[in-house]
Amino acid sequence: MDFMSDSLTDDRLIRSFNVVDDYNREGLNIDVDLSMPARRVIQSLERLVKWRGKPKAIRCDNGPEYISQALRDWTQSTGIEIKYIQPGKPTQNAYIERFNRTVRQECLDLHLFDSVEQAQNLTTQWLWVYNNERPHFAIGGIPPRAKVA
């Protein structure tokens, strides 16, 4: 999991909370808002656990939301291991970094967003295409959902 930043047309900053499955490179989540405190991250992760089941581990950097006591308490209570990468070593979380680059190039850089809702809707639509139609050469030229099937 990782964060990205962008801005609305009125220059307010927005953040997206992105989660990708290391196994099949499926984008599991792009959650967009003006801010993403630890509690919001936990809510997103809880939705993912209900939808996809509990992962054994989550890999992330050492951002303040990820090292917060609230997130550590949640992962401990759910039995999910949190794997922190070394500071300054984004290659240790290469799949999400590659996903973020694709989100930036194929979605965020192509649109001007007037509202958080518009950004959320467009990223959700893009994520569906990414997972269901777009071929991924790292997994044999098929979309991530085809690998799961």
N, C-alpha and C. Protein backbone atom coordinates (compact mmCIF):
# COMPACT_ATOMS: atom_id res chain seq x y z
N MET A 1 0.84 -1.18 0.00
CA MET A 1 0.00 0.00 0.00
C MET A 1 0.88 1.24 0.00
N ASP A 2 0.34 2.31 -0.56
CA ASP A 2 1.10 3.54 -0.67
C ASP A 2 0.15 4.70 -0.96
N PHE A 3 0.65 5.90 -0.81
CA PHE A 3 -0.10 7.11 -1.10
C PHE A 3 0.45 7.79 -2.33
N MET A 4 -0.44 8.52 -3.00
CA MET A 4 -0.06 9.42 -4.08
C MET A 4 -0.75 10.75 -3.82
N SER A 5 -0.23 11.80 -4.42
CA SER A 5 -0.83 13.12 -4.30
C SER A 5 -1.12 13.68 -5.68
N ASP A 6 -2.13 14.51 -5.73
CA ASP A 6 -2.47 15.25 -6.93
C ASP A 6 -3.19 16.51 -6.46
N SER A 7 -3.76 17.26 -7.38
CA SER A 7 -4.50 18.45 -6.95
C SER A 7 -5.76 18.61 -7.78
N LEU A 8 -6.71 19.31 -7.20
CA LEU A 8 -7.93 19.66 -7.90
C LEU A 8 -7.69 20.93 -8.71
N THR A 9 -8.63 21.28 -9.56
CA THR A 9 -8.47 22.48 -10.38
C THR A 9 -8.42 23.75 -9.54
N ASP A 10 -8.94 23.70 -8.30
CA ASP A 10 -8.87 24.87 -7.41
C ASP A 10 -7.61 24.86 -6.55
N ASP A 11 -6.65 24.00 -6.89
CA ASP A 11 -5.34 23.88 -6.25
C ASP A 11 -5.34 23.20 -4.89
N ARG A 12 -6.49 22.70 -4.44
CA ARG A 12 -6.49 21.90 -3.21
C ARG A 12 -5.83 20.55 -3.51
N LEU A 13 -5.01 20.10 -2.56
CA LEU A 13 -4.35 18.82 -2.73
C LEU A 13 -5.29 17.68 -2.39
N ILE A 14 -5.16 16.60 -3.15
CA ILE A 14 -5.87 15.37 -2.85
C ILE A 14 -4.85 14.26 -2.68
N ARG A 15 -5.25 13.24 -1.95
CA ARG A 15 -4.40 12.07 -1.75
C ARG A 15 -5.16 10.84 -2.19
N SER A 16 -4.44 9.90 -2.75
CA SER A 16 -5.05 8.60 -3.05
C SER A 16 -4.30 7.53 -2.27
N PHE A 17 -5.08 6.65 -1.68
CA PHE A 17 -4.55 5.52 -0.94
C PHE A 17 -4.69 4.30 -1.84
N ASN A 18 -3.56 3.77 -2.28
CA ASN A 18 -3.54 2.69 -3.27
C ASN A 18 -3.06 1.40 -2.63
N VAL A 19 -3.73 0.32 -3.02
CA VAL A 19 -3.34 -1.01 -2.54
C VAL A 19 -3.30 -1.94 -3.74
N VAL A 20 -2.23 -2.71 -3.84
CA VAL A 20 -2.08 -3.66 -4.95
C VAL A 20 -1.73 -5.03 -4.37
N ASP A 21 -2.20 -6.08 -5.04
CA ASP A 21 -1.90 -7.45 -4.66
C ASP A 21 -0.58 -7.86 -5.31
N ASP A 22 0.40 -8.21 -4.51
CA ASP A 22 1.71 -8.58 -5.05
C ASP A 22 1.64 -9.83 -5.92
N TYR A 23 0.69 -10.72 -5.68
CA TYR A 23 0.63 -11.97 -6.43
C TYR A 23 0.23 -11.76 -7.89
N ASN A 24 -0.89 -11.10 -8.10
CA ASN A 24 -1.39 -10.97 -9.47
C ASN A 24 -1.37 -9.55 -10.00
N ARG A 25 -0.80 -8.63 -9.24
CA ARG A 25 -0.67 -7.21 -9.61
C ARG A 25 -2.03 -6.51 -9.72
N GLU A 26 -3.04 -7.10 -9.13
CA GLU A 26 -4.37 -6.50 -9.17
C GLU A 26 -4.41 -5.26 -8.29
N GLY A 27 -4.95 -4.18 -8.82
CA GLY A 27 -5.19 -2.99 -8.02
C GLY A 27 -6.40 -3.23 -7.15
N LEU A 28 -6.23 -3.29 -5.86
CA LEU A 28 -7.34 -3.59 -4.96
C LEU A 28 -8.07 -2.35 -4.49
N ASN A 29 -7.40 -1.21 -4.52
CA ASN A 29 -8.00 -0.02 -3.95
C ASN A 29 -7.33 1.23 -4.48
N ILE A 30 -8.15 2.21 -4.81
CA ILE A 30 -7.71 3.59 -4.96
C ILE A 30 -8.77 4.41 -4.24
N ASP A 31 -8.44 4.91 -3.10
CA ASP A 31 -9.36 5.68 -2.27
C ASP A 31 -8.88 7.12 -2.27
N VAL A 32 -9.70 8.07 -2.74
CA VAL A 32 -9.29 9.46 -2.93
C VAL A 32 -10.03 10.37 -1.95
N ASP A 33 -9.29 11.28 -1.34
CA ASP A 33 -9.90 12.29 -0.47
C ASP A 33 -8.90 13.42 -0.26
N LEU A 34 -9.36 14.44 0.45
CA LEU A 34 -8.48 15.58 0.76
C LEU A 34 -7.41 15.19 1.77
N SER A 35 -7.74 14.29 2.67
CA SER A 35 -6.75 13.79 3.63
C SER A 35 -7.04 12.32 3.90
N MET A 36 -6.01 11.61 4.32
CA MET A 36 -6.12 10.18 4.59
C MET A 36 -5.43 9.84 5.91
N PRO A 37 -6.04 10.19 7.02
CA PRO A 37 -5.43 9.84 8.30
C PRO A 37 -5.47 8.33 8.54
N ALA A 38 -4.80 7.89 9.56
CA ALA A 38 -4.70 6.46 9.84
C ALA A 38 -6.07 5.80 9.96
N ARG A 39 -7.02 6.45 10.59
CA ARG A 39 -8.37 5.87 10.74
C ARG A 39 -9.01 5.60 9.38
N ARG A 40 -8.79 6.49 8.43
CA ARG A 40 -9.34 6.31 7.08
C ARG A 40 -8.65 5.14 6.38
N VAL A 41 -7.35 5.01 6.59
CA VAL A 41 -6.61 3.88 6.04
C VAL A 41 -7.18 2.58 6.60
N ILE A 42 -7.42 2.55 7.89
CA ILE A 42 -7.98 1.35 8.52
C ILE A 42 -9.35 1.03 7.95
N GLN A 43 -10.20 2.03 7.76
CA GLN A 43 -11.52 1.79 7.17
C GLN A 43 -11.39 1.17 5.77
N SER A 44 -10.48 1.69 4.98
CA SER A 44 -10.27 1.14 3.64
C SER A 44 -9.78 -0.30 3.71
N LEU A 45 -8.85 -0.56 4.62
CA LEU A 45 -8.34 -1.92 4.76
C LEU A 45 -9.42 -2.88 5.27
N GLU A 46 -10.27 -2.41 6.17
CA GLU A 46 -11.36 -3.26 6.65
C GLU A 46 -12.31 -3.63 5.52
N ARG A 47 -12.62 -2.68 4.63
CA ARG A 47 -13.45 -2.99 3.47
C ARG A 47 -12.78 -4.04 2.58
N LEU A 48 -11.48 -3.89 2.38
CA LEU A 48 -10.75 -4.87 1.56
C LEU A 48 -10.76 -6.25 2.19
N VAL A 49 -10.60 -6.33 3.50
CA VAL A 49 -10.62 -7.62 4.19
C VAL A 49 -11.99 -8.28 4.04
N LYS A 50 -13.06 -7.50 4.16
CA LYS A 50 -14.41 -8.06 3.98
C LYS A 50 -14.62 -8.54 2.55
N TRP A 51 -14.06 -7.82 1.59
CA TRP A 51 -14.25 -8.14 0.19
C TRP A 51 -13.37 -9.31 -0.26
N ARG A 52 -12.08 -9.29 0.12
CA ARG A 52 -11.11 -10.24 -0.41
C ARG A 52 -10.55 -11.23 0.60
N GLY A 53 -10.86 -11.02 1.87
CA GLY A 53 -10.28 -11.86 2.90
C GLY A 53 -9.03 -11.21 3.47
N LYS A 54 -8.57 -11.79 4.55
CA LYS A 54 -7.45 -11.22 5.29
C LYS A 54 -6.12 -11.65 4.67
N PRO A 55 -5.26 -10.68 4.36
CA PRO A 55 -3.92 -11.04 3.86
C PRO A 55 -3.04 -11.49 5.03
N LYS A 56 -1.99 -12.21 4.69
CA LYS A 56 -1.02 -12.58 5.72
C LYS A 56 -0.21 -11.36 6.15
N ALA A 57 0.09 -10.50 5.17
CA ALA A 57 0.95 -9.34 5.45
C ALA A 57 0.61 -8.20 4.51
N ILE A 58 0.97 -7.01 4.97
CA ILE A 58 0.84 -5.79 4.17
C ILE A 58 2.21 -5.12 4.17
N ARG A 59 2.69 -4.75 2.98
CA ARG A 59 3.98 -4.07 2.86
C ARG A 59 3.73 -2.58 2.65
N CYS A 60 4.50 -1.75 3.35
CA CYS A 60 4.33 -0.30 3.20
C CYS A 60 5.60 0.42 3.62
N ASP A 61 5.62 1.72 3.35
CA ASP A 61 6.75 2.53 3.79
C ASP A 61 6.52 2.97 5.24
N ASN A 62 7.27 3.92 5.68
CA ASN A 62 7.22 4.35 7.08
C ASN A 62 6.51 5.69 7.25
N GLY A 63 5.52 5.95 6.39
CA GLY A 63 4.75 7.19 6.50
C GLY A 63 4.01 7.26 7.82
N PRO A 64 3.65 8.46 8.26
CA PRO A 64 3.03 8.63 9.57
C PRO A 64 1.73 7.83 9.75
N GLU A 65 0.95 7.69 8.69
CA GLU A 65 -0.29 6.91 8.81
C GLU A 65 0.00 5.44 9.05
N TYR A 66 1.10 4.96 8.47
CA TYR A 66 1.43 3.54 8.55
C TYR A 66 2.14 3.15 9.85
N ILE A 67 2.83 4.10 10.45
CA ILE A 67 3.50 3.78 11.72
C ILE A 67 2.67 4.20 12.92
N SER A 68 1.46 4.70 12.66
CA SER A 68 0.60 5.15 13.75
C SER A 68 0.23 3.98 14.68
N GLN A 69 0.01 4.31 15.92
CA GLN A 69 -0.40 3.29 16.89
C GLN A 69 -1.73 2.68 16.49
N ALA A 70 -2.63 3.49 15.92
CA ALA A 70 -3.94 2.98 15.52
C ALA A 70 -3.80 1.86 14.49
N LEU A 71 -2.96 2.05 13.47
CA LEU A 71 -2.79 1.02 12.45
C LEU A 71 -2.07 -0.20 13.03
N ARG A 72 -1.08 0.03 13.86
CA ARG A 72 -0.38 -1.11 14.47
C ARG A 72 -1.33 -1.92 15.36
N ASP A 73 -2.19 -1.23 16.10
CA ASP A 73 -3.18 -1.93 16.93
C ASP A 73 -4.14 -2.74 16.06
N TRP A 74 -4.58 -2.13 14.94
CA TRP A 74 -5.51 -2.83 14.06
C TRP A 74 -4.86 -4.08 13.45
N THR A 75 -3.63 -3.95 12.96
CA THR A 75 -2.98 -5.12 12.35
C THR A 75 -2.73 -6.20 13.40
N GLN A 76 -2.40 -5.81 14.60
CA GLN A 76 -2.19 -6.80 15.66
C GLN A 76 -3.50 -7.50 16.00
N SER A 77 -4.58 -6.75 16.10
CA SER A 77 -5.87 -7.36 16.45
C SER A 77 -6.42 -8.26 15.35
N THR A 78 -6.03 -8.01 14.10
CA THR A 78 -6.51 -8.83 12.99
C THR A 78 -5.53 -9.95 12.64
N GLY A 79 -4.34 -9.92 13.21
CA GLY A 79 -3.35 -10.94 12.90
C GLY A 79 -2.67 -10.74 11.56
N ILE A 80 -2.69 -9.52 11.06
CA ILE A 80 -2.02 -9.20 9.80
C ILE A 80 -0.65 -8.62 10.11
N GLU A 81 0.37 -9.20 9.51
CA GLU A 81 1.73 -8.69 9.71
C GLU A 81 1.92 -7.45 8.86
N ILE A 82 2.57 -6.45 9.42
CA ILE A 82 2.89 -5.25 8.64
C ILE A 82 4.39 -5.28 8.39
N LYS A 83 4.76 -5.21 7.12
CA LYS A 83 6.16 -5.27 6.71
C LYS A 83 6.58 -3.89 6.23
N TYR A 84 7.39 -3.24 7.02
CA TYR A 84 7.88 -1.90 6.66
C TYR A 84 9.13 -2.02 5.82
N ILE A 85 9.18 -1.25 4.75
CA ILE A 85 10.40 -1.20 3.95
C ILE A 85 11.40 -0.29 4.66
N GLN A 86 12.65 -0.40 4.28
CA GLN A 86 13.66 0.47 4.84
C GLN A 86 13.46 1.89 4.33
N PRO A 87 13.63 2.89 5.18
CA PRO A 87 13.49 4.28 4.72
C PRO A 87 14.40 4.56 3.52
N GLY A 88 13.85 5.24 2.53
CA GLY A 88 14.62 5.60 1.34
C GLY A 88 14.86 4.46 0.38
N LYS A 89 14.13 3.35 0.52
CA LYS A 89 14.31 2.18 -0.35
C LYS A 89 12.97 1.79 -1.00
N PRO A 90 12.42 2.65 -1.86
CA PRO A 90 11.11 2.33 -2.46
C PRO A 90 11.13 1.07 -3.32
N THR A 91 12.29 0.65 -3.77
CA THR A 91 12.35 -0.58 -4.57
C THR A 91 11.98 -1.81 -3.75
N GLN A 92 11.99 -1.68 -2.43
CA GLN A 92 11.55 -2.80 -1.59
C GLN A 92 10.03 -2.96 -1.63
N ASN A 93 9.35 -2.00 -2.20
CA ASN A 93 7.90 -2.08 -2.40
C ASN A 93 7.61 -1.80 -3.87
N ALA A 94 8.33 -2.51 -4.73
CA ALA A 94 8.35 -2.21 -6.17
C ALA A 94 7.00 -2.36 -6.85
N TYR A 95 6.17 -3.32 -6.45
CA TYR A 95 4.90 -3.52 -7.15
C TYR A 95 3.97 -2.32 -6.98
N ILE A 96 3.89 -1.76 -5.79
CA ILE A 96 3.02 -0.61 -5.59
C ILE A 96 3.63 0.63 -6.25
N GLU A 97 4.95 0.74 -6.24
CA GLU A 97 5.59 1.88 -6.91
C GLU A 97 5.32 1.82 -8.41
N ARG A 98 5.38 0.65 -9.00
CA ARG A 98 5.09 0.49 -10.43
C ARG A 98 3.62 0.80 -10.70
N PHE A 99 2.74 0.31 -9.82
CA PHE A 99 1.31 0.60 -9.94
C PHE A 99 1.07 2.11 -9.87
N ASN A 100 1.72 2.78 -8.93
CA ASN A 100 1.55 4.23 -8.79
C ASN A 100 1.98 4.96 -10.07
N ARG A 101 3.07 4.52 -10.66
CA ARG A 101 3.52 5.15 -11.90
C ARG A 101 2.48 4.99 -13.01
N THR A 102 1.88 3.81 -13.07
CA THR A 102 0.85 3.56 -14.08
C THR A 102 -0.39 4.40 -13.81
N VAL A 103 -0.80 4.50 -12.55
CA VAL A 103 -1.94 5.36 -12.19
C VAL A 103 -1.65 6.79 -12.62
N ARG A 104 -0.45 7.26 -12.33
CA ARG A 104 -0.07 8.63 -12.67
C ARG A 104 -0.14 8.84 -14.19
N GLN A 105 0.49 7.94 -14.95
CA GLN A 105 0.60 8.13 -16.40
C GLN A 105 -0.72 7.89 -17.14
N GLU A 106 -1.49 6.92 -16.70
CA GLU A 106 -2.68 6.53 -17.44
C GLU A 106 -3.98 7.13 -16.91
N CYS A 107 -3.92 7.77 -15.75
CA CYS A 107 -5.16 8.32 -15.20
C CYS A 107 -4.98 9.75 -14.69
N LEU A 108 -4.18 9.93 -13.66
CA LEU A 108 -4.10 11.25 -13.01
C LEU A 108 -3.59 12.33 -13.94
N ASP A 109 -2.55 12.04 -14.71
CA ASP A 109 -1.98 13.06 -15.60
C ASP A 109 -2.88 13.39 -16.79
N LEU A 110 -3.87 12.57 -17.04
CA LEU A 110 -4.74 12.78 -18.20
C LEU A 110 -6.02 13.55 -17.87
N HIS A 111 -6.24 13.83 -16.59
CA HIS A 111 -7.50 14.46 -16.19
C HIS A 111 -7.25 15.66 -15.27
N LEU A 112 -8.15 16.62 -15.37
CA LEU A 112 -8.23 17.71 -14.41
C LEU A 112 -9.45 17.43 -13.56
N PHE A 113 -9.27 17.41 -12.26
CA PHE A 113 -10.35 17.06 -11.35
C PHE A 113 -10.91 18.31 -10.69
N ASP A 114 -12.22 18.48 -10.78
CA ASP A 114 -12.89 19.61 -10.14
C ASP A 114 -13.29 19.30 -8.70
N SER A 115 -13.42 18.01 -8.38
CA SER A 115 -13.86 17.62 -7.03
C SER A 115 -13.26 16.28 -6.65
N VAL A 116 -13.30 16.01 -5.37
CA VAL A 116 -12.85 14.70 -4.86
C VAL A 116 -13.72 13.61 -5.47
N GLU A 117 -15.02 13.86 -5.53
CA GLU A 117 -15.94 12.86 -6.08
C GLU A 117 -15.60 12.52 -7.53
N GLN A 118 -15.28 13.53 -8.32
CA GLN A 118 -14.91 13.28 -9.70
C GLN A 118 -13.62 12.46 -9.77
N ALA A 119 -12.65 12.81 -8.96
CA ALA A 119 -11.39 12.05 -8.93
C ALA A 119 -11.64 10.61 -8.50
N GLN A 120 -12.48 10.41 -7.50
CA GLN A 120 -12.79 9.05 -7.04
C GLN A 120 -13.49 8.26 -8.14
N ASN A 121 -14.45 8.88 -8.80
CA ASN A 121 -15.18 8.17 -9.86
C ASN A 121 -14.27 7.80 -11.03
N LEU A 122 -13.44 8.72 -11.46
CA LEU A 122 -12.55 8.43 -12.59
C LEU A 122 -11.49 7.39 -12.24
N THR A 123 -10.94 7.45 -11.04
CA THR A 123 -9.94 6.44 -10.65
C THR A 123 -10.60 5.07 -10.47
N THR A 124 -11.83 5.04 -10.00
CA THR A 124 -12.54 3.75 -9.87
C THR A 124 -12.79 3.15 -11.24
N GLN A 125 -13.22 3.97 -12.19
CA GLN A 125 -13.44 3.48 -13.56
C GLN A 125 -12.12 2.99 -14.17
N TRP A 126 -11.06 3.76 -13.97
CA TRP A 126 -9.76 3.38 -14.51
C TRP A 126 -9.30 2.06 -13.88
N LEU A 127 -9.51 1.90 -12.58
CA LEU A 127 -9.08 0.68 -11.88
C LEU A 127 -9.78 -0.55 -12.43
N TRP A 128 -11.05 -0.42 -12.78
CA TRP A 128 -11.77 -1.55 -13.36
C TRP A 128 -11.13 -1.97 -14.68
N VAL A 129 -10.83 -1.02 -15.53
CA VAL A 129 -10.18 -1.33 -16.81
C VAL A 129 -8.80 -1.94 -16.56
N TYR A 130 -8.05 -1.36 -15.64
CA TYR A 130 -6.71 -1.86 -15.31
C TYR A 130 -6.77 -3.33 -14.90
N ASN A 131 -7.74 -3.68 -14.08
CA ASN A 131 -7.83 -5.05 -13.56
C ASN A 131 -8.47 -6.04 -14.52
N ASN A 132 -9.36 -5.58 -15.38
CA ASN A 132 -10.16 -6.49 -16.18
C ASN A 132 -9.86 -6.51 -17.67
N GLU A 133 -9.24 -5.45 -18.19
CA GLU A 133 -9.01 -5.38 -19.64
C GLU A 133 -7.56 -5.16 -20.03
N ARG A 134 -6.85 -4.42 -19.25
CA ARG A 134 -5.49 -4.02 -19.62
C ARG A 134 -4.52 -5.19 -19.44
N PRO A 135 -3.80 -5.58 -20.50
CA PRO A 135 -2.83 -6.68 -20.34
C PRO A 135 -1.62 -6.25 -19.51
N HIS A 136 -1.13 -7.17 -18.71
CA HIS A 136 0.04 -6.93 -17.87
C HIS A 136 1.12 -7.92 -18.30
N PHE A 137 2.17 -7.40 -18.88
CA PHE A 137 3.20 -8.27 -19.42
C PHE A 137 3.97 -9.00 -18.32
N ALA A 138 4.02 -8.44 -17.12
CA ALA A 138 4.72 -9.11 -16.02
C ALA A 138 4.01 -10.39 -15.59
N ILE A 139 2.74 -10.54 -15.95
CA ILE A 139 2.00 -11.76 -15.59
C ILE A 139 1.51 -12.50 -16.84
N GLY A 140 2.27 -12.39 -17.90
CA GLY A 140 1.96 -13.15 -19.10
C GLY A 140 1.05 -12.47 -20.11
N GLY A 141 0.92 -11.16 -20.04
CA GLY A 141 0.12 -10.44 -21.01
C GLY A 141 -1.37 -10.53 -20.81
N ILE A 142 -1.79 -10.91 -19.60
CA ILE A 142 -3.22 -10.99 -19.29
C ILE A 142 -3.58 -9.97 -18.21
N PRO A 143 -4.85 -9.63 -18.10
CA PRO A 143 -5.26 -8.73 -17.01
C PRO A 143 -5.18 -9.45 -15.66
N PRO A 144 -5.00 -8.74 -14.58
CA PRO A 144 -4.90 -9.38 -13.26
C PRO A 144 -6.07 -10.28 -12.91
N ARG A 145 -7.30 -9.89 -13.26
CA ARG A 145 -8.45 -10.72 -12.91
C ARG A 145 -8.41 -12.06 -13.63
N ALA A 146 -7.82 -12.10 -14.81
CA ALA A 146 -7.70 -13.37 -15.54
C ALA A 146 -6.74 -14.31 -14.80
N LYS A 147 -5.73 -13.76 -14.17
CA LYS A 147 -4.79 -14.60 -13.41
C LYS A 147 -5.48 -15.21 -12.20
N VAL A 148 -6.37 -14.47 -11.57
CA VAL A 148 -7.09 -14.98 -10.41
C VAL A 148 -8.04 -16.09 -10.84
N ALA A 149 -8.69 -15.88 -12.00
CA ALA A 149 -9.63 -16.90 -12.50
C ALA A 149 -8.86 -18.16 -12.88
